[in-house]
Amino acid sequence: MALLLQHPLLGGRWLRDKRRLVMRRFPYSIIYVTTDQEILVLAVAHQSRRPGYWRERGRSL
């Protein structure tokens, strides 16, 4: 998370305005959106389990 705070555009663009940062040591991705003032984490998603369970979370943004 500290790396993400220092470099908010580090994660690749993914699914419209969302970004995804794939973690190296663990099978998880951080799904987030950025604004001028904040980083909003939508999910810390396992890369193999329940794909897409979090997708409704960012609809109103």
PDB file of N, CA and C in Angstrom:
ATOM      1  N   MET A   1       0.823  -1.185   0.000  1.00  0.00           N
ATOM      2  CA  MET A   1       0.000   0.000   0.000  1.00  0.00           C
ATOM      3  C   MET A   1       0.873   1.257   0.000  1.00  0.00           C
ATOM      4  N   ALA A   2       1.996   1.185   0.674  1.00  0.00           N
ATOM      5  CA  ALA A   2       2.890   2.347   0.700  1.00  0.00           C
ATOM      6  C   ALA A   2       3.385   2.675  -0.703  1.00  0.00           C
ATOM      7  N   LEU A   3       3.698   1.657  -1.469  1.00  0.00           N
ATOM      8  CA  LEU A   3       4.143   1.862  -2.850  1.00  0.00           C
ATOM      9  C   LEU A   3       3.020   2.485  -3.684  1.00  0.00           C
ATOM     10  N   LEU A   4       1.812   2.039  -3.466  1.00  0.00           N
ATOM     11  CA  LEU A   4       0.667   2.581  -4.186  1.00  0.00           C
ATOM     12  C   LEU A   4       0.422   4.045  -3.823  1.00  0.00           C
ATOM     13  N   LEU A   5       0.628   4.409  -2.579  1.00  0.00           N
ATOM     14  CA  LEU A   5       0.481   5.802  -2.162  1.00  0.00           C
ATOM     15  C   LEU A   5       1.530   6.698  -2.814  1.00  0.00           C
ATOM     16  N   GLN A   6       2.731   6.192  -2.969  1.00  0.00           N
ATOM     17  CA  GLN A   6       3.799   6.972  -3.598  1.00  0.00           C
ATOM     18  C   GLN A   6       3.617   7.076  -5.108  1.00  0.00           C
ATOM     19  N   HIS A   7       3.071   6.024  -5.721  1.00  0.00           N
ATOM     20  CA  HIS A   7       2.928   5.959  -7.179  1.00  0.00           C
ATOM     21  C   HIS A   7       1.518   5.484  -7.532  1.00  0.00           C
ATOM     22  N   PRO A   8       0.514   6.347  -7.438  1.00  0.00           N
ATOM     23  CA  PRO A   8      -0.869   5.915  -7.642  1.00  0.00           C
ATOM     24  C   PRO A   8      -1.191   5.413  -9.045  1.00  0.00           C
ATOM     25  N   LEU A   9      -0.396   5.745 -10.025  1.00  0.00           N
ATOM     26  CA  LEU A   9      -0.655   5.273 -11.387  1.00  0.00           C
ATOM     27  C   LEU A   9       0.142   4.017 -11.725  1.00  0.00           C
ATOM     28  N   LEU A  10       0.716   3.395 -10.721  1.00  0.00           N
ATOM     29  CA  LEU A  10       1.530   2.199 -10.923  1.00  0.00           C
ATOM     30  C   LEU A  10       0.711   1.037 -11.485  1.00  0.00           C
ATOM     31  N   GLY A  11      -0.490   0.845 -10.992  1.00  0.00           N
ATOM     32  CA  GLY A  11      -1.349  -0.221 -11.491  1.00  0.00           C
ATOM     33  C   GLY A  11      -1.842   0.092 -12.889  1.00  0.00           C
ATOM     34  N   GLY A  12      -2.014  -0.931 -13.667  1.00  0.00           N
ATOM     35  CA  GLY A  12      -2.474  -0.733 -15.037  1.00  0.00           C
ATOM     36  C   GLY A  12      -3.950  -0.391 -15.115  1.00  0.00           C
ATOM     37  N   ARG A  13      -4.334   0.336 -16.162  1.00  0.00           N
ATOM     38  CA  ARG A  13      -5.748   0.649 -16.375  1.00  0.00           C
ATOM     39  C   ARG A  13      -6.495  -0.640 -16.635  1.00  0.00           C
ATOM     40  N   TRP A  14      -7.686  -0.725 -16.017  1.00  0.00           N
ATOM     41  CA  TRP A  14      -8.424  -1.980 -16.083  1.00  0.00           C
ATOM     42  C   TRP A  14      -9.900  -1.707 -15.891  1.00  0.00           C
ATOM     43  N   LEU A  15     -10.718  -2.193 -16.739  1.00  0.00           N
ATOM     44  CA  LEU A  15     -12.176  -2.046 -16.636  1.00  0.00           C
ATOM     45  C   LEU A  15     -12.610  -0.596 -16.438  1.00  0.00           C
ATOM     46  N   ARG A  16     -12.625   0.144 -17.499  1.00  0.00           N
ATOM     47  CA  ARG A  16     -13.021   1.559 -17.542  1.00  0.00           C
ATOM     48  C   ARG A  16     -12.066   2.426 -16.739  1.00  0.00           C
ATOM     49  N   ASP A  17     -12.534   3.027 -15.656  1.00  0.00           N
ATOM     50  CA  ASP A  17     -11.718   3.975 -14.884  1.00  0.00           C
ATOM     51  C   ASP A  17     -10.976   3.325 -13.722  1.00  0.00           C
ATOM     52  N   LYS A  18     -11.076   2.024 -13.588  1.00  0.00           N
ATOM     53  CA  LYS A  18     -10.426   1.334 -12.475  1.00  0.00           C
ATOM     54  C   LYS A  18      -8.984   0.975 -12.837  1.00  0.00           C
ATOM     55  N   ARG A  19      -8.194   0.746 -11.805  1.00  0.00           N
ATOM     56  CA  ARG A  19      -6.811   0.327 -11.990  1.00  0.00           C
ATOM     57  C   ARG A  19      -6.597  -0.945 -11.191  1.00  0.00           C
ATOM     58  N   ARG A  20      -5.642  -1.761 -11.622  1.00  0.00           N
ATOM     59  CA  ARG A  20      -5.353  -3.016 -10.929  1.00  0.00           C
ATOM     60  C   ARG A  20      -3.847  -3.139 -10.731  1.00  0.00           C
ATOM     61  N   LEU A  21      -3.462  -3.363  -9.493  1.00  0.00           N
ATOM     62  CA  LEU A  21      -2.064  -3.595  -9.157  1.00  0.00           C
ATOM     63  C   LEU A  21      -1.940  -5.049  -8.715  1.00  0.00           C
ATOM     64  N   VAL A  22      -1.219  -5.847  -9.491  1.00  0.00           N
ATOM     65  CA  VAL A  22      -1.018  -7.261  -9.181  1.00  0.00           C
ATOM     66  C   VAL A  22       0.154  -7.371  -8.219  1.00  0.00           C
ATOM     67  N   MET A  23      -0.085  -8.030  -7.100  1.00  0.00           N
ATOM     68  CA  MET A  23       0.972  -8.197  -6.098  1.00  0.00           C
ATOM     69  C   MET A  23       1.917  -9.310  -6.534  1.00  0.00           C
ATOM     70  N   ARG A  24       3.177  -9.140  -6.271  1.00  0.00           N
ATOM     71  CA  ARG A  24       4.177 -10.104  -6.735  1.00  0.00           C
ATOM     72  C   ARG A  24       4.237 -11.372  -5.889  1.00  0.00           C
ATOM     73  N   ARG A  25       4.223 -11.240  -4.597  1.00  0.00           N
ATOM     74  CA  ARG A  25       4.444 -12.406  -3.729  1.00  0.00           C
ATOM     75  C   ARG A  25       3.179 -13.197  -3.417  1.00  0.00           C
ATOM     76  N   PHE A  26       2.029 -12.598  -3.630  1.00  0.00           N
ATOM     77  CA  PHE A  26       0.780 -13.231  -3.251  1.00  0.00           C
ATOM     78  C   PHE A  26      -0.160 -13.237  -4.449  1.00  0.00           C
ATOM     79  N   PRO A  27      -1.105 -14.184  -4.513  1.00  0.00           N
ATOM     80  CA  PRO A  27      -2.018 -14.232  -5.666  1.00  0.00           C
ATOM     81  C   PRO A  27      -3.193 -13.267  -5.524  1.00  0.00           C
ATOM     82  N   TYR A  28      -2.906 -12.011  -5.229  1.00  0.00           N
ATOM     83  CA  TYR A  28      -3.949 -11.009  -5.043  1.00  0.00           C
ATOM     84  C   TYR A  28      -3.679  -9.796  -5.929  1.00  0.00           C
ATOM     85  N   SER A  29      -4.759  -9.091  -6.230  1.00  0.00           N
ATOM     86  CA  SER A  29      -4.680  -7.825  -6.948  1.00  0.00           C
ATOM     87  C   SER A  29      -5.401  -6.776  -6.128  1.00  0.00           C
ATOM     88  N   ILE A  30      -4.897  -5.561  -6.161  1.00  0.00           N
ATOM     89  CA  ILE A  30      -5.570  -4.437  -5.518  1.00  0.00           C
ATOM     90  C   ILE A  30      -6.309  -3.691  -6.625  1.00  0.00           C
ATOM     91  N   ILE A  31      -7.623  -3.605  -6.495  1.00  0.00           N
ATOM     92  CA  ILE A  31      -8.457  -2.914  -7.465  1.00  0.00           C
ATOM     93  C   ILE A  31      -8.796  -1.561  -6.857  1.00  0.00           C
ATOM     94  N   TYR A  32      -8.515  -0.480  -7.601  1.00  0.00           N
ATOM     95  CA  TYR A  32      -8.707   0.849  -7.025  1.00  0.00           C
ATOM     96  C   TYR A  32      -9.014   1.884  -8.084  1.00  0.00           C
ATOM     97  N   VAL A  33      -9.487   3.032  -7.630  1.00  0.00           N
ATOM     98  CA  VAL A  33      -9.689   4.198  -8.491  1.00  0.00           C
ATOM     99  C   VAL A  33      -8.965   5.369  -7.851  1.00  0.00           C
ATOM    100  N   THR A  34      -8.550   6.313  -8.676  1.00  0.00           N
ATOM    101  CA  THR A  34      -7.848   7.481  -8.165  1.00  0.00           C
ATOM    102  C   THR A  34      -8.630   8.747  -8.512  1.00  0.00           C
ATOM    103  N   THR A  35      -8.513   9.732  -7.641  1.00  0.00           N
ATOM    104  CA  THR A  35      -9.011  11.071  -7.906  1.00  0.00           C
ATOM    105  C   THR A  35      -7.854  12.018  -7.645  1.00  0.00           C
ATOM    106  N   ASP A  36      -8.110  13.300  -7.725  1.00  0.00           N
ATOM    107  CA  ASP A  36      -7.050  14.270  -7.449  1.00  0.00           C
ATOM    108  C   ASP A  36      -6.593  14.221  -5.999  1.00  0.00           C
ATOM    109  N   GLN A  37      -7.479  13.821  -5.100  1.00  0.00           N
ATOM    110  CA  GLN A  37      -7.194  13.897  -3.673  1.00  0.00           C
ATOM    111  C   GLN A  37      -7.018  12.554  -2.971  1.00  0.00           C
ATOM    112  N   GLU A  38      -7.469  11.448  -3.579  1.00  0.00           N
ATOM    113  CA  GLU A  38      -7.458  10.190  -2.844  1.00  0.00           C
ATOM    114  C   GLU A  38      -7.321   8.980  -3.747  1.00  0.00           C
ATOM    115  N   ILE A  39      -7.038   7.864  -3.112  1.00  0.00           N
ATOM    116  CA  ILE A  39      -7.041   6.553  -3.742  1.00  0.00           C
ATOM    117  C   ILE A  39      -8.112   5.749  -3.024  1.00  0.00           C
ATOM    118  N   LEU A  40      -9.085   5.252  -3.762  1.00  0.00           N
ATOM    119  CA  LEU A  40     -10.162   4.469  -3.178  1.00  0.00           C
ATOM    120  C   LEU A  40      -9.964   3.013  -3.564  1.00  0.00           C
ATOM    121  N   VAL A  41      -9.680   2.172  -2.573  1.00  0.00           N
ATOM    122  CA  VAL A  41      -9.489   0.744  -2.812  1.00  0.00           C
ATOM    123  C   VAL A  41     -10.854   0.082  -2.824  1.00  0.00           C
ATOM    124  N   LEU A  42     -11.197  -0.536  -3.949  1.00  0.00           N
ATOM    125  CA  LEU A  42     -12.477  -1.216  -4.087  1.00  0.00           C
ATOM    126  C   LEU A  42     -12.410  -2.651  -3.594  1.00  0.00           C
ATOM    127  N   ALA A  43     -11.262  -3.293  -3.800  1.00  0.00           N
ATOM    128  CA  ALA A  43     -11.135  -4.689  -3.390  1.00  0.00           C
ATOM    129  C   ALA A  43      -9.674  -5.106  -3.356  1.00  0.00           C
ATOM    130  N   VAL A  44      -9.405  -6.064  -2.500  1.00  0.00           N
ATOM    131  CA  VAL A  44      -8.161  -6.827  -2.553  1.00  0.00           C
ATOM    132  C   VAL A  44      -8.631  -8.213  -2.959  1.00  0.00           C
ATOM    133  N   ALA A  45      -8.508  -8.496  -4.245  1.00  0.00           N
ATOM    134  CA  ALA A  45      -9.146  -9.664  -4.840  1.00  0.00           C
ATOM    135  C   ALA A  45      -8.152 -10.784  -5.113  1.00  0.00           C
ATOM    136  N   HIS A  46      -8.531 -12.001  -4.732  1.00  0.00           N
ATOM    137  CA  HIS A  46      -7.738 -13.178  -5.071  1.00  0.00           C
ATOM    138  C   HIS A  46      -7.833 -13.373  -6.573  1.00  0.00           C
ATOM    139  N   GLN A  47      -6.747 -13.732  -7.212  1.00  0.00           N
ATOM    140  CA  GLN A  47      -6.719 -13.803  -8.667  1.00  0.00           C
ATOM    141  C   GLN A  47      -7.434 -15.029  -9.235  1.00  0.00           C
ATOM    142  N   SER A  48      -7.748 -16.011  -8.399  1.00  0.00           N
ATOM    143  CA  SER A  48      -8.404 -17.218  -8.902  1.00  0.00           C
ATOM    144  C   SER A  48      -9.776 -17.464  -8.298  1.00  0.00           C
ATOM    145  N   ARG A  49     -10.063 -16.913  -7.156  1.00  0.00           N
ATOM    146  CA  ARG A  49     -11.309 -17.214  -6.470  1.00  0.00           C
ATOM    147  C   ARG A  49     -12.357 -16.136  -6.705  1.00  0.00           C
ATOM    148  N   ARG A  50     -13.567 -16.561  -6.976  1.00  0.00           N
ATOM    149  CA  ARG A  50     -14.717 -15.675  -7.142  1.00  0.00           C
ATOM    150  C   ARG A  50     -14.413 -14.461  -8.018  1.00  0.00           C
ATOM    151  N   PRO A  51     -14.010 -14.645  -9.242  1.00  0.00           N
ATOM    152  CA  PRO A  51     -13.679 -13.506 -10.099  1.00  0.00           C
ATOM    153  C   PRO A  51     -14.879 -12.579 -10.288  1.00  0.00           C
ATOM    154  N   GLY A  52     -14.642 -11.300 -10.144  1.00  0.00           N
ATOM    155  CA  GLY A  52     -15.669 -10.315 -10.395  1.00  0.00           C
ATOM    156  C   GLY A  52     -16.657 -10.056  -9.272  1.00  0.00           C
ATOM    157  N   TYR A  53     -16.495 -10.671  -8.104  1.00  0.00           N
ATOM    158  CA  TYR A  53     -17.458 -10.497  -7.011  1.00  0.00           C
ATOM    159  C   TYR A  53     -17.559  -9.044  -6.557  1.00  0.00           C
ATOM    160  N   TRP A  54     -16.552  -8.267  -6.772  1.00  0.00           N
ATOM    161  CA  TRP A  54     -16.466  -6.894  -6.271  1.00  0.00           C
ATOM    162  C   TRP A  54     -16.946  -5.867  -7.298  1.00  0.00           C
ATOM    163  N   ARG A  55     -17.275  -6.259  -8.509  1.00  0.00           N
ATOM    164  CA  ARG A  55     -17.504  -5.313  -9.611  1.00  0.00           C
ATOM    165  C   ARG A  55     -18.585  -4.288  -9.359  1.00  0.00           C
ATOM    166  N   GLU A  56     -19.589  -4.599  -8.588  1.00  0.00           N
ATOM    167  CA  GLU A  56     -20.650  -3.640  -8.301  1.00  0.00           C
ATOM    168  C   GLU A  56     -20.176  -2.497  -7.414  1.00  0.00           C
ATOM    169  N   ARG A  57     -19.062  -2.629  -6.768  1.00  0.00           N
ATOM    170  CA  ARG A  57     -18.574  -1.636  -5.813  1.00  0.00           C
ATOM    171  C   ARG A  57     -18.219  -0.300  -6.455  1.00  0.00           C
ATOM    172  N   GLY A  58     -17.773  -0.279  -7.663  1.00  0.00           N
ATOM    173  CA  GLY A  58     -17.335   0.964  -8.288  1.00  0.00           C
ATOM    174  C   GLY A  58     -18.340   1.580  -9.241  1.00  0.00           C
ATOM    175  N   ARG A  59     -19.530   1.056  -9.308  1.00  0.00           N
ATOM    176  CA  ARG A  59     -20.514   1.520 -10.286  1.00  0.00           C
ATOM    177  C   ARG A  59     -20.934   2.966 -10.086  1.00  0.00           C
ATOM    178  N   SER A  60     -21.056   3.418  -8.846  1.00  0.00           N
ATOM    179  CA  SER A  60     -21.559   4.764  -8.591  1.00  0.00           C
ATOM    180  C   SER A  60     -20.479   5.838  -8.678  1.00  0.00           C
ATOM    181  N   LEU A  61     -19.234   5.455  -8.952  1.00  0.00           N
ATOM    182  CA  LEU A  61     -18.144   6.426  -9.000  1.00  0.00           C
ATOM    183  C   LEU A  61     -18.034   7.058 -10.365  1.00  0.00           C
TER     184      LEU A  61
END
